Amino acid sequence: MNLDKDNIINYSPSCERNQQVILEHLQPYIPSSAKILEIGSYSGQHAIHFCHNQPDLTWQASDQFQYIQGLEQNFRLANLANLLDPIEINVAVAEHWPKTVFDVIYSANTLHIMSWQHVEKMFENISACIKANTLVCIYGPFKYNAQYTSSSNEQFQQWLLARDPLSGIRDFEAVQLLAEKAGLTLLKDINMPANNQLLIWQYKG
């Protein structure tokens, strides 16, 4: 769906570049008529792209309070029936999480923006929204064995830390421990363009 980028609040060029390849890799895993909760929707570009290409999906976008109004405006512009009104979620606040369960929990380019404490809380609080076979899909850069996957990611890390000392590219092994503690089993770790990964876990129940 080609919306005029000048009309999209918080437009992200990286979302525009990566949305199709993420969709292509996730499509074999997402069940038909899936109900999806996205954490950290920001501009909502991924939500709009997924819902346009898979009308059977029902997509619940979410973000912090300051991004909700922009999301609402972008969704009105997209005018897709399977996009629900966005909701506010601070991942560290258990009461913010929906009281319903989803088939898929999806989040892109968020773990390196939030603090590690928030990453821990996200995996802890995710339990309120999952059921047997729920998929948890996380996209973004990661370190492996404390090593960056590229020099550009190492440079990106320096930019992140200068912007916010609590942010940073996360160690896959540390995130995997959080996932295991939440009862999630890693199904796939997919190498993606621009030195990113797509991690797919499943809750066995």
N, C-alpha and C. Protein backbone atom coordinates (compact mmCIF):
# COMPACT_ATOMS: atom_id res chain seq x y z
N MET A 1 0.86 -1.19 0.00
CA MET A 1 0.00 0.00 0.00
C MET A 1 0.89 1.23 0.00
N ASN A 2 0.80 2.04 -1.01
CA ASN A 2 1.67 3.20 -1.16
C ASN A 2 0.97 4.47 -0.68
N LEU A 3 1.18 4.79 0.60
CA LEU A 3 0.68 6.05 1.13
C LEU A 3 1.72 7.14 0.88
N ASP A 4 1.28 8.36 0.73
CA ASP A 4 2.19 9.48 0.54
C ASP A 4 2.98 9.68 1.83
N LYS A 5 4.31 9.47 1.74
CA LYS A 5 5.12 9.54 2.96
C LYS A 5 5.04 10.92 3.63
N ASP A 6 4.75 11.96 2.87
CA ASP A 6 4.65 13.29 3.45
C ASP A 6 3.44 13.43 4.36
N ASN A 7 2.50 12.50 4.23
CA ASN A 7 1.30 12.54 5.07
C ASN A 7 1.37 11.60 6.26
N ILE A 8 2.43 10.79 6.33
CA ILE A 8 2.58 9.81 7.41
C ILE A 8 3.32 10.45 8.58
N ILE A 9 2.68 10.51 9.73
CA ILE A 9 3.32 11.05 10.93
C ILE A 9 4.38 10.06 11.41
N ASN A 10 5.57 10.58 11.74
CA ASN A 10 6.71 9.76 12.20
C ASN A 10 7.18 8.79 11.12
N TYR A 11 7.04 9.18 9.86
CA TYR A 11 7.46 8.32 8.74
C TYR A 11 8.88 7.80 8.97
N SER A 12 9.07 6.51 8.74
CA SER A 12 10.37 5.86 8.92
C SER A 12 10.85 5.25 7.60
N PRO A 13 11.93 5.76 7.02
CA PRO A 13 12.46 5.15 5.79
C PRO A 13 12.86 3.69 5.97
N SER A 14 13.38 3.34 7.16
CA SER A 14 13.79 1.95 7.38
C SER A 14 12.58 1.01 7.36
N CYS A 15 11.45 1.46 7.90
CA CYS A 15 10.22 0.65 7.84
C CYS A 15 9.81 0.41 6.39
N GLU A 16 9.93 1.46 5.59
CA GLU A 16 9.59 1.34 4.18
C GLU A 16 10.47 0.30 3.48
N ARG A 17 11.74 0.27 3.88
CA ARG A 17 12.69 -0.66 3.24
C ARG A 17 12.49 -2.09 3.70
N ASN A 18 12.18 -2.30 4.99
CA ASN A 18 12.22 -3.67 5.51
C ASN A 18 10.86 -4.35 5.61
N GLN A 19 9.76 -3.60 5.42
CA GLN A 19 8.44 -4.18 5.70
C GLN A 19 8.11 -5.38 4.81
N GLN A 20 8.48 -5.33 3.53
CA GLN A 20 8.11 -6.42 2.64
C GLN A 20 8.92 -7.69 2.93
N VAL A 21 10.21 -7.54 3.18
CA VAL A 21 11.03 -8.72 3.43
C VAL A 21 10.64 -9.36 4.76
N ILE A 22 10.27 -8.55 5.76
CA ILE A 22 9.79 -9.13 7.03
C ILE A 22 8.50 -9.90 6.80
N LEU A 23 7.58 -9.30 6.05
CA LEU A 23 6.31 -9.97 5.75
C LEU A 23 6.55 -11.30 5.05
N GLU A 24 7.44 -11.32 4.07
CA GLU A 24 7.71 -12.55 3.31
C GLU A 24 8.25 -13.65 4.21
N HIS A 25 9.08 -13.31 5.17
CA HIS A 25 9.65 -14.32 6.06
C HIS A 25 8.65 -14.77 7.13
N LEU A 26 7.74 -13.90 7.52
CA LEU A 26 6.78 -14.27 8.56
C LEU A 26 5.56 -15.00 8.01
N GLN A 27 5.21 -14.77 6.76
CA GLN A 27 3.99 -15.36 6.20
C GLN A 27 3.89 -16.87 6.38
N PRO A 28 4.98 -17.65 6.23
CA PRO A 28 4.84 -19.10 6.43
C PRO A 28 4.50 -19.49 7.86
N TYR A 29 4.72 -18.62 8.81
CA TYR A 29 4.50 -18.95 10.22
C TYR A 29 3.18 -18.42 10.76
N ILE A 30 2.71 -17.29 10.24
CA ILE A 30 1.50 -16.67 10.79
C ILE A 30 0.27 -17.46 10.36
N PRO A 31 -0.53 -17.92 11.30
CA PRO A 31 -1.75 -18.67 10.93
C PRO A 31 -2.78 -17.76 10.27
N SER A 32 -3.64 -18.36 9.47
CA SER A 32 -4.69 -17.57 8.82
C SER A 32 -5.63 -16.97 9.86
N SER A 33 -6.12 -15.80 9.57
CA SER A 33 -7.03 -15.06 10.46
C SER A 33 -6.41 -14.80 11.83
N ALA A 34 -5.10 -14.61 11.85
CA ALA A 34 -4.40 -14.40 13.12
C ALA A 34 -4.73 -13.04 13.72
N LYS A 35 -4.77 -13.02 15.03
CA LYS A 35 -4.91 -11.77 15.78
C LYS A 35 -3.52 -11.40 16.31
N ILE A 36 -3.04 -10.22 15.92
CA ILE A 36 -1.65 -9.84 16.17
C ILE A 36 -1.59 -8.61 17.07
N LEU A 37 -0.72 -8.66 18.07
CA LEU A 37 -0.41 -7.51 18.90
C LEU A 37 0.98 -7.02 18.54
N GLU A 38 1.08 -5.78 18.10
CA GLU A 38 2.39 -5.19 17.80
C GLU A 38 2.80 -4.29 18.96
N ILE A 39 4.02 -4.49 19.44
CA ILE A 39 4.60 -3.67 20.50
C ILE A 39 5.52 -2.63 19.86
N GLY A 40 5.26 -1.36 20.12
CA GLY A 40 6.10 -0.30 19.57
C GLY A 40 5.82 -0.05 18.10
N SER A 41 4.58 0.28 17.78
CA SER A 41 4.19 0.43 16.37
C SER A 41 4.74 1.70 15.73
N TYR A 42 5.00 2.73 16.52
CA TYR A 42 5.58 4.00 16.07
C TYR A 42 4.72 4.65 14.98
N SER A 43 5.13 4.58 13.72
CA SER A 43 4.34 5.18 12.63
C SER A 43 3.20 4.29 12.16
N GLY A 44 3.28 2.99 12.49
CA GLY A 44 2.27 2.04 12.04
C GLY A 44 2.48 1.55 10.62
N GLN A 45 3.63 1.83 10.02
CA GLN A 45 3.87 1.43 8.63
C GLN A 45 3.85 -0.08 8.46
N HIS A 46 4.43 -0.81 9.41
CA HIS A 46 4.40 -2.27 9.31
C HIS A 46 2.97 -2.78 9.43
N ALA A 47 2.22 -2.22 10.37
CA ALA A 47 0.83 -2.64 10.55
C ALA A 47 0.04 -2.42 9.27
N ILE A 48 0.19 -1.26 8.67
CA ILE A 48 -0.54 -0.94 7.44
C ILE A 48 -0.13 -1.88 6.31
N HIS A 49 1.15 -2.13 6.17
CA HIS A 49 1.64 -2.98 5.09
C HIS A 49 1.15 -4.42 5.25
N PHE A 50 1.25 -4.96 6.46
CA PHE A 50 0.82 -6.33 6.71
C PHE A 50 -0.68 -6.46 6.47
N CYS A 51 -1.45 -5.52 7.01
CA CYS A 51 -2.91 -5.63 6.92
C CYS A 51 -3.41 -5.43 5.50
N HIS A 52 -2.74 -4.60 4.73
CA HIS A 52 -3.11 -4.42 3.32
C HIS A 52 -2.86 -5.70 2.53
N ASN A 53 -1.76 -6.38 2.83
CA ASN A 53 -1.39 -7.58 2.07
C ASN A 53 -2.04 -8.85 2.59
N GLN A 54 -2.50 -8.83 3.84
CA GLN A 54 -3.19 -9.99 4.41
C GLN A 54 -4.48 -9.52 5.09
N PRO A 55 -5.54 -9.34 4.33
CA PRO A 55 -6.78 -8.81 4.88
C PRO A 55 -7.41 -9.68 5.96
N ASP A 56 -6.97 -10.95 6.06
CA ASP A 56 -7.55 -11.84 7.08
C ASP A 56 -6.98 -11.56 8.47
N LEU A 57 -5.87 -10.81 8.55
CA LEU A 57 -5.27 -10.50 9.85
C LEU A 57 -6.10 -9.47 10.60
N THR A 58 -6.04 -9.54 11.92
CA THR A 58 -6.56 -8.47 12.77
C THR A 58 -5.38 -7.94 13.57
N TRP A 59 -5.10 -6.64 13.42
CA TRP A 59 -3.85 -6.07 13.95
C TRP A 59 -4.14 -5.05 15.04
N GLN A 60 -3.59 -5.33 16.24
CA GLN A 60 -3.69 -4.40 17.36
C GLN A 60 -2.34 -3.71 17.53
N ALA A 61 -2.26 -2.47 17.08
CA ALA A 61 -1.04 -1.69 17.24
C ALA A 61 -0.99 -1.09 18.64
N SER A 62 0.22 -0.81 19.12
CA SER A 62 0.37 -0.18 20.43
C SER A 62 1.67 0.60 20.48
N ASP A 63 1.72 1.55 21.38
CA ASP A 63 2.96 2.29 21.63
C ASP A 63 2.77 3.14 22.88
N GLN A 64 3.79 3.92 23.19
CA GLN A 64 3.68 4.85 24.30
C GLN A 64 2.71 5.98 23.95
N PHE A 65 2.25 6.65 24.98
CA PHE A 65 1.18 7.64 24.82
C PHE A 65 1.47 8.67 23.74
N GLN A 66 2.72 9.15 23.66
CA GLN A 66 3.04 10.26 22.77
C GLN A 66 2.93 9.89 21.28
N TYR A 67 2.85 8.59 20.97
CA TYR A 67 2.76 8.18 19.57
C TYR A 67 1.35 7.78 19.15
N ILE A 68 0.42 7.72 20.08
CA ILE A 68 -0.92 7.20 19.77
C ILE A 68 -1.67 8.11 18.79
N GLN A 69 -1.62 9.41 18.99
CA GLN A 69 -2.36 10.31 18.11
C GLN A 69 -1.86 10.21 16.67
N GLY A 70 -0.55 10.11 16.49
CA GLY A 70 0.00 9.95 15.15
C GLY A 70 -0.43 8.64 14.52
N LEU A 71 -0.43 7.57 15.31
CA LEU A 71 -0.89 6.28 14.81
C LEU A 71 -2.34 6.35 14.37
N GLU A 72 -3.16 6.99 15.17
CA GLU A 72 -4.58 7.11 14.82
C GLU A 72 -4.75 7.83 13.49
N GLN A 73 -4.01 8.90 13.29
CA GLN A 73 -4.12 9.64 12.03
C GLN A 73 -3.64 8.82 10.84
N ASN A 74 -2.53 8.10 11.02
CA ASN A 74 -2.01 7.26 9.94
C ASN A 74 -2.98 6.14 9.58
N PHE A 75 -3.64 5.58 10.59
CA PHE A 75 -4.59 4.50 10.33
C PHE A 75 -5.85 5.02 9.64
N ARG A 76 -6.25 6.23 9.98
CA ARG A 76 -7.39 6.82 9.26
C ARG A 76 -7.04 7.01 7.79
N LEU A 77 -5.82 7.40 7.52
CA LEU A 77 -5.35 7.58 6.15
C LEU A 77 -5.35 6.25 5.40
N ALA A 78 -4.92 5.19 6.09
CA ALA A 78 -4.87 3.86 5.46
C ALA A 78 -6.26 3.29 5.23
N ASN A 79 -7.18 3.54 6.17
CA ASN A 79 -8.58 3.12 6.03
C ASN A 79 -8.71 1.62 5.77
N LEU A 80 -8.11 0.83 6.66
CA LEU A 80 -8.16 -0.63 6.55
C LEU A 80 -9.01 -1.19 7.69
N ALA A 81 -9.97 -2.03 7.37
CA ALA A 81 -10.93 -2.52 8.36
C ALA A 81 -10.26 -3.43 9.39
N ASN A 82 -9.15 -4.06 9.04
CA ASN A 82 -8.51 -5.01 9.96
C ASN A 82 -7.46 -4.36 10.86
N LEU A 83 -7.34 -3.03 10.80
CA LEU A 83 -6.49 -2.29 11.72
C LEU A 83 -7.35 -1.77 12.88
N LEU A 84 -7.09 -2.27 14.09
CA LEU A 84 -7.83 -1.80 15.26
C LEU A 84 -7.27 -0.46 15.73
N ASP A 85 -8.05 0.27 16.49
CA ASP A 85 -7.56 1.52 17.07
C ASP A 85 -6.35 1.23 17.94
N PRO A 86 -5.27 1.99 17.80
CA PRO A 86 -4.06 1.73 18.59
C PRO A 86 -4.30 1.96 20.07
N ILE A 87 -3.56 1.25 20.90
CA ILE A 87 -3.69 1.37 22.35
C ILE A 87 -2.34 1.74 22.96
N GLU A 88 -2.40 2.37 24.12
CA GLU A 88 -1.18 2.74 24.83
C GLU A 88 -0.66 1.55 25.62
N ILE A 89 0.61 1.25 25.44
CA ILE A 89 1.27 0.23 26.26
C ILE A 89 2.66 0.73 26.64
N ASN A 90 2.91 0.83 27.93
CA ASN A 90 4.26 0.91 28.46
C ASN A 90 4.60 -0.51 28.87
N VAL A 91 5.58 -1.12 28.21
CA VAL A 91 5.83 -2.56 28.39
C VAL A 91 6.17 -2.91 29.83
N ALA A 92 6.66 -1.94 30.60
CA ALA A 92 7.07 -2.22 31.98
C ALA A 92 5.90 -2.21 32.95
N VAL A 93 4.73 -1.76 32.50
CA VAL A 93 3.57 -1.64 33.37
C VAL A 93 2.59 -2.77 33.05
N ALA A 94 2.46 -3.71 33.95
CA ALA A 94 1.63 -4.89 33.70
C ALA A 94 0.19 -4.52 33.38
N GLU A 95 -0.32 -3.47 34.05
CA GLU A 95 -1.72 -3.07 33.86
C GLU A 95 -2.00 -2.52 32.47
N HIS A 96 -0.96 -2.13 31.74
CA HIS A 96 -1.14 -1.59 30.39
C HIS A 96 -1.43 -2.68 29.36
N TRP A 97 -1.01 -3.90 29.67
CA TRP A 97 -1.13 -4.96 28.68
C TRP A 97 -2.58 -5.40 28.53
N PRO A 98 -3.00 -5.74 27.30
CA PRO A 98 -4.39 -6.17 27.09
C PRO A 98 -4.72 -7.41 27.90
N LYS A 99 -5.98 -7.58 28.19
CA LYS A 99 -6.44 -8.74 28.96
C LYS A 99 -6.87 -9.88 28.03
N THR A 100 -6.66 -9.73 26.73
CA THR A 100 -6.98 -10.76 25.76
C THR A 100 -5.70 -11.40 25.25
N VAL A 101 -5.83 -12.58 24.65
CA VAL A 101 -4.67 -13.28 24.12
C VAL A 101 -4.61 -13.13 22.60
N PHE A 102 -3.41 -13.30 22.06
CA PHE A 102 -3.17 -13.10 20.64
C PHE A 102 -2.49 -14.33 20.04
N ASP A 103 -2.61 -14.46 18.73
CA ASP A 103 -1.92 -15.53 18.02
C ASP A 103 -0.46 -15.20 17.77
N VAL A 104 -0.17 -13.90 17.64
CA VAL A 104 1.18 -13.43 17.35
C VAL A 104 1.45 -12.15 18.15
N ILE A 105 2.63 -12.09 18.78
CA ILE A 105 3.15 -10.85 19.35
C ILE A 105 4.32 -10.44 18.46
N TYR A 106 4.27 -9.23 17.94
CA TYR A 106 5.28 -8.77 16.96
C TYR A 106 5.88 -7.45 17.43
N SER A 107 7.19 -7.32 17.25
CA SER A 107 7.85 -6.06 17.59
C SER A 107 9.09 -5.89 16.73
N ALA A 108 9.26 -4.71 16.16
CA ALA A 108 10.40 -4.44 15.28
C ALA A 108 11.16 -3.22 15.76
N ASN A 109 12.47 -3.37 15.84
CA ASN A 109 13.37 -2.25 16.17
C ASN A 109 12.98 -1.56 17.48
N THR A 110 12.75 -2.37 18.51
CA THR A 110 12.37 -1.82 19.80
C THR A 110 13.34 -2.21 20.93
N LEU A 111 13.87 -3.40 20.90
CA LEU A 111 14.67 -3.87 22.03
C LEU A 111 15.93 -3.03 22.23
N HIS A 112 16.49 -2.49 21.16
CA HIS A 112 17.70 -1.67 21.31
C HIS A 112 17.36 -0.21 21.66
N ILE A 113 16.08 0.15 21.58
CA ILE A 113 15.65 1.50 21.95
C ILE A 113 15.27 1.57 23.44
N MET A 114 14.58 0.57 23.93
CA MET A 114 14.18 0.56 25.34
C MET A 114 15.35 0.13 26.23
N SER A 115 15.22 0.42 27.51
CA SER A 115 16.25 0.00 28.47
C SER A 115 16.21 -1.52 28.66
N TRP A 116 17.29 -2.07 29.20
CA TRP A 116 17.30 -3.51 29.46
C TRP A 116 16.23 -3.88 30.48
N GLN A 117 15.99 -3.02 31.45
CA GLN A 117 14.93 -3.29 32.42
C GLN A 117 13.58 -3.41 31.72
N HIS A 118 13.33 -2.58 30.73
CA HIS A 118 12.08 -2.65 29.98
C HIS A 118 12.03 -3.92 29.12
N VAL A 119 13.17 -4.33 28.58
CA VAL A 119 13.21 -5.59 27.83
C VAL A 119 12.82 -6.75 28.75
N GLU A 120 13.39 -6.77 29.95
CA GLU A 120 13.06 -7.82 30.92
C GLU A 120 11.58 -7.81 31.25
N LYS A 121 11.03 -6.62 31.49
CA LYS A 121 9.63 -6.51 31.84
C LYS A 121 8.72 -6.91 30.68
N MET A 122 9.14 -6.61 29.45
CA MET A 122 8.34 -6.98 28.30
C MET A 122 8.16 -8.50 28.24
N PHE A 123 9.25 -9.23 28.40
CA PHE A 123 9.15 -10.69 28.35
C PHE A 123 8.42 -11.24 29.56
N GLU A 124 8.49 -10.54 30.68
CA GLU A 124 7.74 -10.97 31.86
C GLU A 124 6.24 -10.74 31.68
N ASN A 125 5.88 -9.56 31.17
CA ASN A 125 4.47 -9.19 31.05
C ASN A 125 3.77 -9.79 29.84
N ILE A 126 4.55 -10.29 28.92
CA ILE A 126 3.97 -10.87 27.70
C ILE A 126 3.09 -12.07 28.02
N SER A 127 3.30 -12.66 29.20
CA SER A 127 2.55 -13.87 29.58
C SER A 127 1.05 -13.62 29.62
N ALA A 128 0.63 -12.36 29.83
CA ALA A 128 -0.79 -12.04 29.91
C ALA A 128 -1.49 -12.15 28.57
N CYS A 129 -0.71 -12.16 27.49
CA CYS A 129 -1.31 -12.07 26.14
C CYS A 129 -1.05 -13.29 25.27
N ILE A 130 -0.50 -14.37 25.83
CA ILE A 130 -0.16 -15.52 25.00
C ILE A 130 -0.93 -16.76 25.45
N LYS A 131 -1.06 -17.68 24.52
CA LYS A 131 -1.72 -18.95 24.75
C LYS A 131 -0.88 -20.02 24.07
N ALA A 132 -1.30 -21.25 24.13
CA ALA A 132 -0.56 -22.32 23.45
C ALA A 132 -0.41 -22.00 21.98
N ASN A 133 0.81 -22.09 21.48
CA ASN A 133 1.19 -21.89 20.08
C ASN A 133 1.31 -20.42 19.65
N THR A 134 1.08 -19.47 20.55
CA THR A 134 1.32 -18.07 20.21
C THR A 134 2.77 -17.88 19.76
N LEU A 135 2.95 -17.12 18.68
CA LEU A 135 4.29 -16.79 18.18
C LEU A 135 4.71 -15.44 18.74
N VAL A 136 5.98 -15.32 19.08
CA VAL A 136 6.57 -14.05 19.48
C VAL A 136 7.69 -13.76 18.48
N CYS A 137 7.54 -12.69 17.71
CA CYS A 137 8.44 -12.38 16.60
C CYS A 137 9.10 -11.03 16.84
N ILE A 138 10.43 -11.03 16.92
CA ILE A 138 11.19 -9.83 17.22
C ILE A 138 12.18 -9.58 16.09
N TYR A 139 12.15 -8.35 15.55
CA TYR A 139 13.07 -7.97 14.47
C TYR A 139 14.00 -6.87 14.96
N GLY A 140 15.26 -6.95 14.56
CA GLY A 140 16.21 -5.89 14.88
C GLY A 140 17.64 -6.42 14.94
N PRO A 141 18.59 -5.56 15.31
CA PRO A 141 19.99 -5.99 15.41
C PRO A 141 20.27 -6.68 16.74
N PHE A 142 21.19 -7.64 16.72
CA PHE A 142 21.60 -8.34 17.94
C PHE A 142 23.09 -8.60 17.89
N LYS A 143 23.67 -8.78 19.08
CA LYS A 143 25.04 -9.27 19.20
C LYS A 143 24.98 -10.77 19.50
N TYR A 144 26.02 -11.47 19.08
CA TYR A 144 26.15 -12.90 19.36
C TYR A 144 27.51 -13.14 20.01
N ASN A 145 27.49 -13.81 21.16
CA ASN A 145 28.73 -14.02 21.92
C ASN A 145 29.44 -12.70 22.15
N ALA A 146 28.65 -11.66 22.44
CA ALA A 146 29.14 -10.31 22.73
C ALA A 146 29.81 -9.64 21.53
N GLN A 147 29.62 -10.21 20.35
CA GLN A 147 30.24 -9.66 19.14
C GLN A 147 29.17 -9.08 18.22
N TYR A 148 29.47 -7.93 17.62
CA TYR A 148 28.57 -7.33 16.65
C TYR A 148 28.61 -8.12 15.34
N THR A 149 27.52 -8.14 14.64
CA THR A 149 27.48 -8.89 13.37
C THR A 149 28.05 -8.08 12.21
N SER A 150 28.34 -6.80 12.45
CA SER A 150 28.93 -5.96 11.40
C SER A 150 29.54 -4.72 12.04
N SER A 151 30.44 -4.08 11.32
CA SER A 151 31.03 -2.84 11.81
C SER A 151 29.99 -1.72 11.87
N SER A 152 29.02 -1.77 10.95
CA SER A 152 27.98 -0.74 10.97
C SER A 152 27.11 -0.85 12.22
N ASN A 153 26.87 -2.08 12.69
CA ASN A 153 26.12 -2.25 13.93
C ASN A 153 26.91 -1.73 15.14
N GLU A 154 28.22 -1.92 15.09
CA GLU A 154 29.06 -1.38 16.17
C GLU A 154 29.00 0.14 16.19
N GLN A 155 29.01 0.76 15.02
CA GLN A 155 28.88 2.22 14.93
C GLN A 155 27.49 2.66 15.39
N PHE A 156 26.48 1.87 15.03
CA PHE A 156 25.11 2.17 15.46
C PHE A 156 25.00 2.12 16.97
N GLN A 157 25.70 1.19 17.58
CA GLN A 157 25.70 1.08 19.04
C GLN A 157 26.22 2.37 19.68
N GLN A 158 27.28 2.93 19.12
CA GLN A 158 27.83 4.16 19.67
C GLN A 158 26.83 5.31 19.55
N TRP A 159 26.10 5.34 18.46
CA TRP A 159 25.07 6.37 18.28
C TRP A 159 23.95 6.19 19.30
N LEU A 160 23.55 4.94 19.51
CA LEU A 160 22.49 4.65 20.48
C LEU A 160 22.89 5.09 21.88
N LEU A 161 24.10 4.76 22.28
CA LEU A 161 24.55 5.06 23.64
C LEU A 161 24.72 6.56 23.85
N ALA A 162 25.12 7.27 22.81
CA ALA A 162 25.24 8.72 22.91
C ALA A 162 23.87 9.36 23.06
N ARG A 163 22.89 8.75 22.43
CA ARG A 163 21.51 9.25 22.49
C ARG A 163 20.86 8.92 23.82
N ASP A 164 21.10 7.68 24.30
CA ASP A 164 20.49 7.21 25.55
C ASP A 164 21.36 6.09 26.11
N PRO A 165 22.08 6.32 27.20
CA PRO A 165 22.98 5.30 27.76
C PRO A 165 22.28 4.02 28.18
N LEU A 166 20.95 4.05 28.36
CA LEU A 166 20.22 2.85 28.76
C LEU A 166 19.82 1.99 27.56
N SER A 167 19.98 2.51 26.36
CA SER A 167 19.63 1.74 25.16
C SER A 167 20.84 0.94 24.70
N GLY A 168 20.70 0.25 23.58
CA GLY A 168 21.84 -0.49 23.04
C GLY A 168 21.43 -1.80 22.40
N ILE A 169 22.25 -2.26 21.46
CA ILE A 169 22.01 -3.54 20.80
C ILE A 169 22.16 -4.66 21.83
N ARG A 170 21.17 -5.54 21.88
CA ARG A 170 21.12 -6.56 22.93
C ARG A 170 21.86 -7.83 22.52
N ASP A 171 22.35 -8.54 23.54
CA ASP A 171 22.98 -9.84 23.33
C ASP A 171 21.90 -10.89 23.10
N PHE A 172 22.01 -11.60 22.02
CA PHE A 172 21.02 -12.65 21.72
C PHE A 172 20.90 -13.62 22.88
N GLU A 173 22.02 -14.03 23.45
CA GLU A 173 21.98 -15.04 24.51
C GLU A 173 21.19 -14.57 25.72
N ALA A 174 21.31 -13.28 26.07
CA ALA A 174 20.58 -12.74 27.21
C ALA A 174 19.08 -12.67 26.91
N VAL A 175 18.74 -12.29 25.68
CA VAL A 175 17.33 -12.24 25.28
C VAL A 175 16.74 -13.65 25.23
N GLN A 176 17.53 -14.59 24.75
CA GLN A 176 17.06 -15.97 24.69
C GLN A 176 16.75 -16.52 26.08
N LEU A 177 17.55 -16.15 27.08
CA LEU A 177 17.28 -16.58 28.45
C LEU A 177 15.94 -16.01 28.95
N LEU A 178 15.67 -14.75 28.61
CA LEU A 178 14.38 -14.16 28.99
C LEU A 178 13.23 -14.90 28.31
N ALA A 179 13.42 -15.23 27.04
CA ALA A 179 12.37 -15.94 26.30
C ALA A 179 12.13 -17.31 26.91
N GLU A 180 13.18 -18.02 27.23
CA GLU A 180 13.03 -19.34 27.83
C GLU A 180 12.32 -19.25 29.18
N LYS A 181 12.65 -18.24 29.96
CA LYS A 181 11.99 -18.04 31.25
C LYS A 181 10.50 -17.79 31.07
N ALA A 182 10.14 -17.17 29.94
CA ALA A 182 8.72 -16.90 29.64
C ALA A 182 8.03 -18.10 29.01
N GLY A 183 8.75 -19.21 28.86
CA GLY A 183 8.15 -20.42 28.29
C GLY A 183 8.16 -20.47 26.78
N LEU A 184 9.03 -19.66 26.16
CA LEU A 184 9.09 -19.60 24.70
C LEU A 184 10.21 -20.48 24.16
N THR A 185 9.93 -21.15 23.05
CA THR A 185 10.91 -22.00 22.37
C THR A 185 11.29 -21.34 21.06
N LEU A 186 12.59 -21.18 20.81
CA LEU A 186 13.05 -20.55 19.58
C LEU A 186 12.80 -21.48 18.39
N LEU A 187 12.04 -21.00 17.42
CA LEU A 187 11.78 -21.75 16.19
C LEU A 187 12.76 -21.41 15.09
N LYS A 188 13.11 -20.11 15.00
CA LYS A 188 13.92 -19.68 13.86
C LYS A 188 14.67 -18.39 14.21
N ASP A 189 15.91 -18.32 13.77
CA ASP A 189 16.72 -17.10 13.85
C ASP A 189 17.17 -16.82 12.41
N ILE A 190 16.55 -15.82 11.80
CA ILE A 190 16.72 -15.58 10.36
C ILE A 190 17.60 -14.36 10.15
N ASN A 191 18.66 -14.53 9.34
CA ASN A 191 19.49 -13.39 8.94
C ASN A 191 18.70 -12.53 7.96
N MET A 192 18.64 -11.23 8.26
CA MET A 192 17.87 -10.30 7.45
C MET A 192 18.80 -9.25 6.84
N PRO A 193 18.30 -8.50 5.86
CA PRO A 193 19.12 -7.43 5.27
C PRO A 193 19.52 -6.38 6.30
N ALA A 194 20.58 -5.64 5.96
CA ALA A 194 21.06 -4.53 6.79
C ALA A 194 21.47 -4.99 8.18
N ASN A 195 21.99 -6.24 8.27
CA ASN A 195 22.56 -6.76 9.52
C ASN A 195 21.56 -6.82 10.66
N ASN A 196 20.34 -7.21 10.33
CA ASN A 196 19.30 -7.43 11.32
C ASN A 196 18.96 -8.91 11.40
N GLN A 197 18.21 -9.26 12.44
CA GLN A 197 17.74 -10.63 12.64
C GLN A 197 16.23 -10.62 12.81
N LEU A 198 15.61 -11.73 12.46
CA LEU A 198 14.20 -11.96 12.75
C LEU A 198 14.13 -13.21 13.62
N LEU A 199 13.77 -13.02 14.89
CA LEU A 199 13.70 -14.12 15.84
C LEU A 199 12.25 -14.53 16.02
N ILE A 200 11.99 -15.82 15.91
CA ILE A 200 10.63 -16.33 16.02
C ILE A 200 10.58 -17.39 17.12
N TRP A 201 9.86 -17.09 18.19
CA TRP A 201 9.64 -18.04 19.27
C TRP A 201 8.20 -18.52 19.26
N GLN A 202 7.93 -19.62 19.94
CA GLN A 202 6.56 -20.10 20.10
C GLN A 202 6.36 -20.52 21.56
N TYR A 203 5.17 -20.15 22.06
CA TYR A 203 4.80 -20.54 23.42
C TYR A 203 4.11 -21.89 23.36
N LYS A 204 4.66 -22.86 24.04
CA LYS A 204 4.13 -24.21 23.98
C LYS A 204 2.96 -24.44 24.92
N GLY A 205 2.82 -23.56 25.90
CA GLY A 205 1.68 -23.67 26.80
C GLY A 205 1.89 -24.72 27.89
